[in-house]
Amino acid sequence: KGLGTTLLLSIAAIIGSTLTGLLAAIL
């Protein structure tokens, strides 16, 4: 159960951090 939460958290954070990082790099 904890692994499922970790995977969900990781996938969402990977997407969010990639978009955030790309935007910051463009700026």
mmCIF file of all heavy atoms, coordinates in Angstrom:
data_MODEL
# 
_entry.id   MODEL 
# 
loop_
_atom_site.group_PDB 
_atom_site.id 
_atom_site.type_symbol 
_atom_site.label_atom_id 
_atom_site.label_alt_id 
_atom_site.label_comp_id 
_atom_site.label_asym_id 
_atom_site.label_entity_id 
_atom_site.label_seq_id 
_atom_site.pdbx_PDB_ins_code 
_atom_site.Cartn_x 
_atom_site.Cartn_y 
_atom_site.Cartn_z 
_atom_site.occupancy 
_atom_site.B_iso_or_equiv 
_atom_site.pdbx_formal_charge 
_atom_site.auth_seq_id 
_atom_site.auth_comp_id 
_atom_site.auth_asym_id 
_atom_site.auth_atom_id 
_atom_site.pdbx_PDB_model_num 
ATOM 1   N N   . LYS A 1 1  ? 0.839  -1.200 0.000   1.00 0.00 ? 1  LYS A N   1 
ATOM 2   C CA  . LYS A 1 1  ? 0.000  0.000  0.000   1.00 0.00 ? 1  LYS A CA  1 
ATOM 3   C C   . LYS A 1 1  ? 0.876  1.252  0.000   1.00 0.00 ? 1  LYS A C   1 
ATOM 4   O O   . LYS A 1 1  ? 0.633  2.203  -0.747  1.00 0.00 ? 1  LYS A O   1 
ATOM 5   C CB  . LYS A 1 1  ? -0.915 -0.005 1.221   1.00 0.00 ? 1  LYS A CB  1 
ATOM 6   C CG  . LYS A 1 1  ? -1.843 1.193  1.294   1.00 0.00 ? 1  LYS A CG  1 
ATOM 7   C CD  . LYS A 1 1  ? -2.720 1.130  2.537   1.00 0.00 ? 1  LYS A CD  1 
ATOM 8   C CE  . LYS A 1 1  ? -3.619 2.366  2.630   1.00 0.00 ? 1  LYS A CE  1 
ATOM 9   N NZ  . LYS A 1 1  ? -4.454 2.320  3.858   1.00 0.00 ? 1  LYS A NZ  1 
ATOM 10  N N   . GLY A 1 2  ? 1.917  1.238  0.848   1.00 0.00 ? 2  GLY A N   1 
ATOM 11  C CA  . GLY A 1 2  ? 2.844  2.366  0.884   1.00 0.00 ? 2  GLY A CA  1 
ATOM 12  C C   . GLY A 1 2  ? 3.608  2.512  -0.416  1.00 0.00 ? 2  GLY A C   1 
ATOM 13  O O   . GLY A 1 2  ? 3.872  3.628  -0.871  1.00 0.00 ? 2  GLY A O   1 
ATOM 14  N N   . LEU A 1 3  ? 3.937  1.380  -1.053  1.00 0.00 ? 3  LEU A N   1 
ATOM 15  C CA  . LEU A 1 3  ? 4.643  1.409  -2.338  1.00 0.00 ? 3  LEU A CA  1 
ATOM 16  C C   . LEU A 1 3  ? 3.780  2.077  -3.408  1.00 0.00 ? 3  LEU A C   1 
ATOM 17  O O   . LEU A 1 3  ? 4.275  2.873  -4.212  1.00 0.00 ? 3  LEU A O   1 
ATOM 18  C CB  . LEU A 1 3  ? 5.004  -0.009 -2.763  1.00 0.00 ? 3  LEU A CB  1 
ATOM 19  C CG  . LEU A 1 3  ? 5.679  -0.161 -4.130  1.00 0.00 ? 3  LEU A CG  1 
ATOM 20  C CD1 . LEU A 1 3  ? 7.032  0.548  -4.135  1.00 0.00 ? 3  LEU A CD1 1 
ATOM 21  C CD2 . LEU A 1 3  ? 5.846  -1.637 -4.478  1.00 0.00 ? 3  LEU A CD2 1 
ATOM 22  N N   . GLY A 1 4  ? 2.481  1.771  -3.411  1.00 0.00 ? 4  GLY A N   1 
ATOM 23  C CA  . GLY A 1 4  ? 1.577  2.394  -4.372  1.00 0.00 ? 4  GLY A CA  1 
ATOM 24  C C   . GLY A 1 4  ? 1.535  3.904  -4.205  1.00 0.00 ? 4  GLY A C   1 
ATOM 25  O O   . GLY A 1 4  ? 1.562  4.652  -5.193  1.00 0.00 ? 4  GLY A O   1 
ATOM 26  N N   . THR A 1 5  ? 1.494  4.356  -2.951  1.00 0.00 ? 5  THR A N   1 
ATOM 27  C CA  . THR A 1 5  ? 1.494  5.799  -2.684  1.00 0.00 ? 5  THR A CA  1 
ATOM 28  C C   . THR A 1 5  ? 2.802  6.436  -3.115  1.00 0.00 ? 5  THR A C   1 
ATOM 29  O O   . THR A 1 5  ? 2.822  7.524  -3.700  1.00 0.00 ? 5  THR A O   1 
ATOM 30  C CB  . THR A 1 5  ? 1.255  6.067  -1.189  1.00 0.00 ? 5  THR A CB  1 
ATOM 31  O OG1 . THR A 1 5  ? 0.030  5.451  -0.778  1.00 0.00 ? 5  THR A OG1 1 
ATOM 32  C CG2 . THR A 1 5  ? 1.177  7.556  -0.903  1.00 0.00 ? 5  THR A CG2 1 
ATOM 33  N N   . THR A 1 6  ? 3.911  5.750  -2.848  1.00 0.00 ? 6  THR A N   1 
ATOM 34  C CA  . THR A 1 6  ? 5.223  6.256  -3.243  1.00 0.00 ? 6  THR A CA  1 
ATOM 35  C C   . THR A 1 6  ? 5.337  6.381  -4.763  1.00 0.00 ? 6  THR A C   1 
ATOM 36  O O   . THR A 1 6  ? 5.866  7.366  -5.281  1.00 0.00 ? 6  THR A O   1 
ATOM 37  C CB  . THR A 1 6  ? 6.341  5.334  -2.708  1.00 0.00 ? 6  THR A CB  1 
ATOM 38  O OG1 . THR A 1 6  ? 6.358  5.406  -1.275  1.00 0.00 ? 6  THR A OG1 1 
ATOM 39  C CG2 . THR A 1 6  ? 7.707  5.756  -3.236  1.00 0.00 ? 6  THR A CG2 1 
ATOM 40  N N   . LEU A 1 7  ? 4.843  5.383  -5.483  1.00 0.00 ? 7  LEU A N   1 
ATOM 41  C CA  . LEU A 1 7  ? 4.896  5.432  -6.949  1.00 0.00 ? 7  LEU A CA  1 
ATOM 42  C C   . LEU A 1 7  ? 4.038  6.571  -7.489  1.00 0.00 ? 7  LEU A C   1 
ATOM 43  O O   . LEU A 1 7  ? 4.468  7.299  -8.391  1.00 0.00 ? 7  LEU A O   1 
ATOM 44  C CB  . LEU A 1 7  ? 4.415  4.099  -7.529  1.00 0.00 ? 7  LEU A CB  1 
ATOM 45  C CG  . LEU A 1 7  ? 5.370  2.913  -7.365  1.00 0.00 ? 7  LEU A CG  1 
ATOM 46  C CD1 . LEU A 1 7  ? 4.702  1.624  -7.823  1.00 0.00 ? 7  LEU A CD1 1 
ATOM 47  C CD2 . LEU A 1 7  ? 6.667  3.137  -8.130  1.00 0.00 ? 7  LEU A CD2 1 
ATOM 48  N N   . LEU A 1 8  ? 2.833  6.736  -6.931  1.00 0.00 ? 8  LEU A N   1 
ATOM 49  C CA  . LEU A 1 8  ? 1.961  7.825  -7.357  1.00 0.00 ? 8  LEU A CA  1 
ATOM 50  C C   . LEU A 1 8  ? 2.613  9.170  -7.094  1.00 0.00 ? 8  LEU A C   1 
ATOM 51  O O   . LEU A 1 8  ? 2.631  10.060 -7.956  1.00 0.00 ? 8  LEU A O   1 
ATOM 52  C CB  . LEU A 1 8  ? 0.622  7.737  -6.623  1.00 0.00 ? 8  LEU A CB  1 
ATOM 53  C CG  . LEU A 1 8  ? -0.371 8.887  -6.864  1.00 0.00 ? 8  LEU A CG  1 
ATOM 54  C CD1 . LEU A 1 8  ? -0.756 8.970  -8.339  1.00 0.00 ? 8  LEU A CD1 1 
ATOM 55  C CD2 . LEU A 1 8  ? -1.606 8.712  -5.989  1.00 0.00 ? 8  LEU A CD2 1 
ATOM 56  N N   . LEU A 1 9  ? 3.162  9.314  -5.896  1.00 0.00 ? 9  LEU A N   1 
ATOM 57  C CA  . LEU A 1 9  ? 3.836  10.548 -5.513  1.00 0.00 ? 9  LEU A CA  1 
ATOM 58  C C   . LEU A 1 9  ? 5.035  10.822 -6.411  1.00 0.00 ? 9  LEU A C   1 
ATOM 59  O O   . LEU A 1 9  ? 5.252  11.956 -6.861  1.00 0.00 ? 9  LEU A O   1 
ATOM 60  C CB  . LEU A 1 9  ? 4.274  10.442 -4.050  1.00 0.00 ? 9  LEU A CB  1 
ATOM 61  C CG  . LEU A 1 9  ? 4.999  11.625 -3.420  1.00 0.00 ? 9  LEU A CG  1 
ATOM 62  C CD1 . LEU A 1 9  ? 4.105  12.854 -3.403  1.00 0.00 ? 9  LEU A CD1 1 
ATOM 63  C CD2 . LEU A 1 9  ? 5.429  11.270 -2.000  1.00 0.00 ? 9  LEU A CD2 1 
ATOM 64  N N   . SER A 1 10 ? 5.811  9.784  -6.695  1.00 0.00 ? 10 SER A N   1 
ATOM 65  C CA  . SER A 1 10 ? 7.011  9.937  -7.516  1.00 0.00 ? 10 SER A CA  1 
ATOM 66  C C   . SER A 1 10 ? 6.671  10.345 -8.938  1.00 0.00 ? 10 SER A C   1 
ATOM 67  O O   . SER A 1 10 ? 7.279  11.269 -9.495  1.00 0.00 ? 10 SER A O   1 
ATOM 68  C CB  . SER A 1 10 ? 7.807  8.629  -7.536  1.00 0.00 ? 10 SER A CB  1 
ATOM 69  O OG  . SER A 1 10 ? 8.228  8.263  -6.240  1.00 0.00 ? 10 SER A OG  1 
ATOM 70  N N   . ILE A 1 11 ? 5.701  9.672  -9.539  1.00 0.00 ? 11 ILE A N   1 
ATOM 71  C CA  . ILE A 1 11 ? 5.327  9.977  -10.926 1.00 0.00 ? 11 ILE A CA  1 
ATOM 72  C C   . ILE A 1 11 ? 4.812  11.404 -11.047 1.00 0.00 ? 11 ILE A C   1 
ATOM 73  O O   . ILE A 1 11 ? 5.208  12.159 -11.945 1.00 0.00 ? 11 ILE A O   1 
ATOM 74  C CB  . ILE A 1 11 ? 4.279  8.974  -11.434 1.00 0.00 ? 11 ILE A CB  1 
ATOM 75  C CG1 . ILE A 1 11 ? 4.904  7.584  -11.551 1.00 0.00 ? 11 ILE A CG1 1 
ATOM 76  C CG2 . ILE A 1 11 ? 3.715  9.408  -12.779 1.00 0.00 ? 11 ILE A CG2 1 
ATOM 77  C CD1 . ILE A 1 11 ? 3.899  6.473  -11.804 1.00 0.00 ? 11 ILE A CD1 1 
ATOM 78  N N   . ALA A 1 12 ? 3.912  11.783 -10.119 1.00 0.00 ? 12 ALA A N   1 
ATOM 79  C CA  . ALA A 1 12 ? 3.351  13.139 -10.165 1.00 0.00 ? 12 ALA A CA  1 
ATOM 80  C C   . ALA A 1 12 ? 4.429  14.191 -9.940  1.00 0.00 ? 12 ALA A C   1 
ATOM 81  O O   . ALA A 1 12 ? 4.454  15.226 -10.617 1.00 0.00 ? 12 ALA A O   1 
ATOM 82  C CB  . ALA A 1 12 ? 2.253  13.281 -9.108  1.00 0.00 ? 12 ALA A CB  1 
ATOM 83  N N   . ALA A 1 13 ? 5.343  13.926 -8.998  1.00 0.00 ? 13 ALA A N   1 
ATOM 84  C CA  . ALA A 1 13 ? 6.400  14.894 -8.705  1.00 0.00 ? 13 ALA A CA  1 
ATOM 85  C C   . ALA A 1 13 ? 7.421  14.967 -9.834  1.00 0.00 ? 13 ALA A C   1 
ATOM 86  O O   . ALA A 1 13 ? 7.981  16.038 -10.103 1.00 0.00 ? 13 ALA A O   1 
ATOM 87  C CB  . ALA A 1 13 ? 7.096  14.528 -7.394  1.00 0.00 ? 13 ALA A CB  1 
ATOM 88  N N   . ILE A 1 14 ? 7.685  13.856 -10.503 1.00 0.00 ? 14 ILE A N   1 
ATOM 89  C CA  . ILE A 1 14 ? 8.592  13.868 -11.655 1.00 0.00 ? 14 ILE A CA  1 
ATOM 90  C C   . ILE A 1 14 ? 8.025  14.752 -12.758 1.00 0.00 ? 14 ILE A C   1 
ATOM 91  O O   . ILE A 1 14 ? 8.736  15.575 -13.351 1.00 0.00 ? 14 ILE A O   1 
ATOM 92  C CB  . ILE A 1 14 ? 8.839  12.433 -12.171 1.00 0.00 ? 14 ILE A CB  1 
ATOM 93  C CG1 . ILE A 1 14 ? 9.809  11.696 -11.237 1.00 0.00 ? 14 ILE A CG1 1 
ATOM 94  C CG2 . ILE A 1 14 ? 9.401  12.453 -13.595 1.00 0.00 ? 14 ILE A CG2 1 
ATOM 95  C CD1 . ILE A 1 14 ? 9.968  10.221 -11.548 1.00 0.00 ? 14 ILE A CD1 1 
ATOM 96  N N   . ILE A 1 15 ? 6.736  14.593 -13.029 1.00 0.00 ? 15 ILE A N   1 
ATOM 97  C CA  . ILE A 1 15 ? 6.102  15.431 -14.058 1.00 0.00 ? 15 ILE A CA  1 
ATOM 98  C C   . ILE A 1 15 ? 6.123  16.898 -13.637 1.00 0.00 ? 15 ILE A C   1 
ATOM 99  O O   . ILE A 1 15 ? 6.502  17.791 -14.412 1.00 0.00 ? 15 ILE A O   1 
ATOM 100 C CB  . ILE A 1 15 ? 4.653  14.966 -14.305 1.00 0.00 ? 15 ILE A CB  1 
ATOM 101 C CG1 . ILE A 1 15 ? 4.637  13.553 -14.903 1.00 0.00 ? 15 ILE A CG1 1 
ATOM 102 C CG2 . ILE A 1 15 ? 3.921  15.945 -15.232 1.00 0.00 ? 15 ILE A CG2 1 
ATOM 103 C CD1 . ILE A 1 15 ? 3.258  12.931 -14.986 1.00 0.00 ? 15 ILE A CD1 1 
ATOM 104 N N   . GLY A 1 16 ? 5.725  17.153 -12.387 1.00 0.00 ? 16 GLY A N   1 
ATOM 105 C CA  . GLY A 1 16 ? 5.681  18.536 -11.902 1.00 0.00 ? 16 GLY A CA  1 
ATOM 106 C C   . GLY A 1 16 ? 7.042  19.198 -11.873 1.00 0.00 ? 16 GLY A C   1 
ATOM 107 O O   . GLY A 1 16 ? 7.189  20.361 -12.276 1.00 0.00 ? 16 GLY A O   1 
ATOM 108 N N   . SER A 1 17 ? 8.053  18.483 -11.392 1.00 0.00 ? 17 SER A N   1 
ATOM 109 C CA  . SER A 1 17 ? 9.391  19.059 -11.298 1.00 0.00 ? 17 SER A CA  1 
ATOM 110 C C   . SER A 1 17 ? 10.016 19.278 -12.670 1.00 0.00 ? 17 SER A C   1 
ATOM 111 O O   . SER A 1 17 ? 10.756 20.238 -12.880 1.00 0.00 ? 17 SER A O   1 
ATOM 112 C CB  . SER A 1 17 ? 10.294 18.159 -10.446 1.00 0.00 ? 17 SER A CB  1 
ATOM 113 O OG  . SER A 1 17 ? 10.447 16.881 -11.039 1.00 0.00 ? 17 SER A OG  1 
ATOM 114 N N   . THR A 1 18 ? 9.703  18.392 -13.624 1.00 0.00 ? 18 THR A N   1 
ATOM 115 C CA  . THR A 1 18 ? 10.234 18.550 -14.978 1.00 0.00 ? 18 THR A CA  1 
ATOM 116 C C   . THR A 1 18 ? 9.665  19.799 -15.640 1.00 0.00 ? 18 THR A C   1 
ATOM 117 O O   . THR A 1 18 ? 10.403 20.591 -16.240 1.00 0.00 ? 18 THR A O   1 
ATOM 118 C CB  . THR A 1 18 ? 9.914  17.316 -15.833 1.00 0.00 ? 18 THR A CB  1 
ATOM 119 O OG1 . THR A 1 18 ? 10.472 16.150 -15.215 1.00 0.00 ? 18 THR A OG1 1 
ATOM 120 C CG2 . THR A 1 18 ? 10.487 17.459 -17.235 1.00 0.00 ? 18 THR A CG2 1 
ATOM 121 N N   . LEU A 1 19 ? 8.359  19.996 -15.511 1.00 0.00 ? 19 LEU A N   1 
ATOM 122 C CA  . LEU A 1 19 ? 7.727  21.190 -16.078 1.00 0.00 ? 19 LEU A CA  1 
ATOM 123 C C   . LEU A 1 19 ? 8.216  22.453 -15.384 1.00 0.00 ? 19 LEU A C   1 
ATOM 124 O O   . LEU A 1 19 ? 8.503  23.470 -16.044 1.00 0.00 ? 19 LEU A O   1 
ATOM 125 C CB  . LEU A 1 19 ? 6.204  21.076 -15.963 1.00 0.00 ? 19 LEU A CB  1 
ATOM 126 C CG  . LEU A 1 19 ? 5.551  19.946 -16.778 1.00 0.00 ? 19 LEU A CG  1 
ATOM 127 C CD1 . LEU A 1 19 ? 4.051  19.875 -16.487 1.00 0.00 ? 19 LEU A CD1 1 
ATOM 128 C CD2 . LEU A 1 19 ? 5.803  20.148 -18.264 1.00 0.00 ? 19 LEU A CD2 1 
ATOM 129 N N   . THR A 1 20 ? 8.332  22.389 -14.057 1.00 0.00 ? 20 THR A N   1 
ATOM 130 C CA  . THR A 1 20 ? 8.819  23.548 -13.300 1.00 0.00 ? 20 THR A CA  1 
ATOM 131 C C   . THR A 1 20 ? 10.260 23.870 -13.672 1.00 0.00 ? 20 THR A C   1 
ATOM 132 O O   . THR A 1 20 ? 10.621 25.031 -13.892 1.00 0.00 ? 20 THR A O   1 
ATOM 133 C CB  . THR A 1 20 ? 8.723  23.277 -11.788 1.00 0.00 ? 20 THR A CB  1 
ATOM 134 O OG1 . THR A 1 20 ? 7.373  22.977 -11.439 1.00 0.00 ? 20 THR A OG1 1 
ATOM 135 C CG2 . THR A 1 20 ? 9.176  24.493 -10.987 1.00 0.00 ? 20 THR A CG2 1 
ATOM 136 N N   . GLY A 1 21 ? 11.086 22.832 -13.747 1.00 0.00 ? 21 GLY A N   1 
ATOM 137 C CA  . GLY A 1 21 ? 12.491 23.039 -14.083 1.00 0.00 ? 21 GLY A CA  1 
ATOM 138 C C   . GLY A 1 21 ? 12.681 23.553 -15.492 1.00 0.00 ? 21 GLY A C   1 
ATOM 139 O O   . GLY A 1 21 ? 13.527 24.423 -15.738 1.00 0.00 ? 21 GLY A O   1 
ATOM 140 N N   . LEU A 1 22 ? 11.894 23.029 -16.434 1.00 0.00 ? 22 LEU A N   1 
ATOM 141 C CA  . LEU A 1 22 ? 12.002 23.492 -17.820 1.00 0.00 ? 22 LEU A CA  1 
ATOM 142 C C   . LEU A 1 22 ? 11.602 24.963 -17.929 1.00 0.00 ? 22 LEU A C   1 
ATOM 143 O O   . LEU A 1 22 ? 12.276 25.748 -18.614 1.00 0.00 ? 22 LEU A O   1 
ATOM 144 C CB  . LEU A 1 22 ? 11.120 22.640 -18.719 1.00 0.00 ? 22 LEU A CB  1 
ATOM 145 C CG  . LEU A 1 22 ? 11.114 23.001 -20.207 1.00 0.00 ? 22 LEU A CG  1 
ATOM 146 C CD1 . LEU A 1 22 ? 12.519 22.940 -20.786 1.00 0.00 ? 22 LEU A CD1 1 
ATOM 147 C CD2 . LEU A 1 22 ? 10.177 22.077 -20.981 1.00 0.00 ? 22 LEU A CD2 1 
ATOM 148 N N   . LEU A 1 23 ? 10.529 25.341 -17.243 1.00 0.00 ? 23 LEU A N   1 
ATOM 149 C CA  . LEU A 1 23 ? 10.095 26.740 -17.258 1.00 0.00 ? 23 LEU A CA  1 
ATOM 150 C C   . LEU A 1 23 ? 11.169 27.653 -16.666 1.00 0.00 ? 23 LEU A C   1 
ATOM 151 O O   . LEU A 1 23 ? 11.493 28.705 -17.239 1.00 0.00 ? 23 LEU A O   1 
ATOM 152 C CB  . LEU A 1 23 ? 8.792  26.898 -16.474 1.00 0.00 ? 23 LEU A CB  1 
ATOM 153 C CG  . LEU A 1 23 ? 8.264  28.331 -16.313 1.00 0.00 ? 23 LEU A CG  1 
ATOM 154 C CD1 . LEU A 1 23 ? 8.000  28.967 -17.675 1.00 0.00 ? 23 LEU A CD1 1 
ATOM 155 C CD2 . LEU A 1 23 ? 7.009  28.343 -15.446 1.00 0.00 ? 23 LEU A CD2 1 
ATOM 156 N N   . ALA A 1 24 ? 11.745 27.236 -15.538 1.00 0.00 ? 24 ALA A N   1 
ATOM 157 C CA  . ALA A 1 24 ? 12.792 28.042 -14.903 1.00 0.00 ? 24 ALA A CA  1 
ATOM 158 C C   . ALA A 1 24 ? 14.026 28.144 -15.795 1.00 0.00 ? 24 ALA A C   1 
ATOM 159 O O   . ALA A 1 24 ? 14.667 29.200 -15.873 1.00 0.00 ? 24 ALA A O   1 
ATOM 160 C CB  . ALA A 1 24 ? 13.174 27.443 -13.547 1.00 0.00 ? 24 ALA A CB  1 
ATOM 161 N N   . ALA A 1 25 ? 14.358 27.059 -16.497 1.00 0.00 ? 25 ALA A N   1 
ATOM 162 C CA  . ALA A 1 25 ? 15.512 27.077 -17.406 1.00 0.00 ? 25 ALA A CA  1 
ATOM 163 C C   . ALA A 1 25 ? 15.268 28.008 -18.585 1.00 0.00 ? 25 ALA A C   1 
ATOM 164 O O   . ALA A 1 25 ? 16.180 28.722 -19.024 1.00 0.00 ? 25 ALA A O   1 
ATOM 165 C CB  . ALA A 1 25 ? 15.795 25.662 -17.903 1.00 0.00 ? 25 ALA A CB  1 
ATOM 166 N N   . ILE A 1 26 ? 14.044 28.010 -19.100 1.00 0.00 ? 26 ILE A N   1 
ATOM 167 C CA  . ILE A 1 26 ? 13.707 28.918 -20.200 1.00 0.00 ? 26 ILE A CA  1 
ATOM 168 C C   . ILE A 1 26 ? 13.849 30.369 -19.743 1.00 0.00 ? 26 ILE A C   1 
ATOM 169 O O   . ILE A 1 26 ? 14.394 31.214 -20.472 1.00 0.00 ? 26 ILE A O   1 
ATOM 170 C CB  . ILE A 1 26 ? 12.272 28.642 -20.694 1.00 0.00 ? 26 ILE A CB  1 
ATOM 171 C CG1 . ILE A 1 26 ? 12.209 27.268 -21.375 1.00 0.00 ? 26 ILE A CG1 1 
ATOM 172 C CG2 . ILE A 1 26 ? 11.818 29.728 -21.663 1.00 0.00 ? 26 ILE A CG2 1 
ATOM 173 C CD1 . ILE A 1 26 ? 10.805 26.826 -21.740 1.00 0.00 ? 26 ILE A CD1 1 
ATOM 174 N N   . LEU A 1 27 ? 13.391 30.651 -18.534 1.00 0.00 ? 27 LEU A N   1 
ATOM 175 C CA  . LEU A 1 27 ? 13.518 32.011 -18.005 1.00 0.00 ? 27 LEU A CA  1 
ATOM 176 C C   . LEU A 1 27 ? 14.981 32.377 -17.781 1.00 0.00 ? 27 LEU A C   1 
ATOM 177 O O   . LEU A 1 27 ? 15.402 33.505 -18.060 1.00 0.00 ? 27 LEU A O   1 
ATOM 178 C CB  . LEU A 1 27 ? 12.733 32.147 -16.699 1.00 0.00 ? 27 LEU A CB  1 
ATOM 179 C CG  . LEU A 1 27 ? 11.208 31.992 -16.800 1.00 0.00 ? 27 LEU A CG  1 
ATOM 180 C CD1 . LEU A 1 27 ? 10.570 32.102 -15.407 1.00 0.00 ? 27 LEU A CD1 1 
ATOM 181 C CD2 . LEU A 1 27 ? 10.609 33.033 -17.736 1.00 0.00 ? 27 LEU A CD2 1 
# 
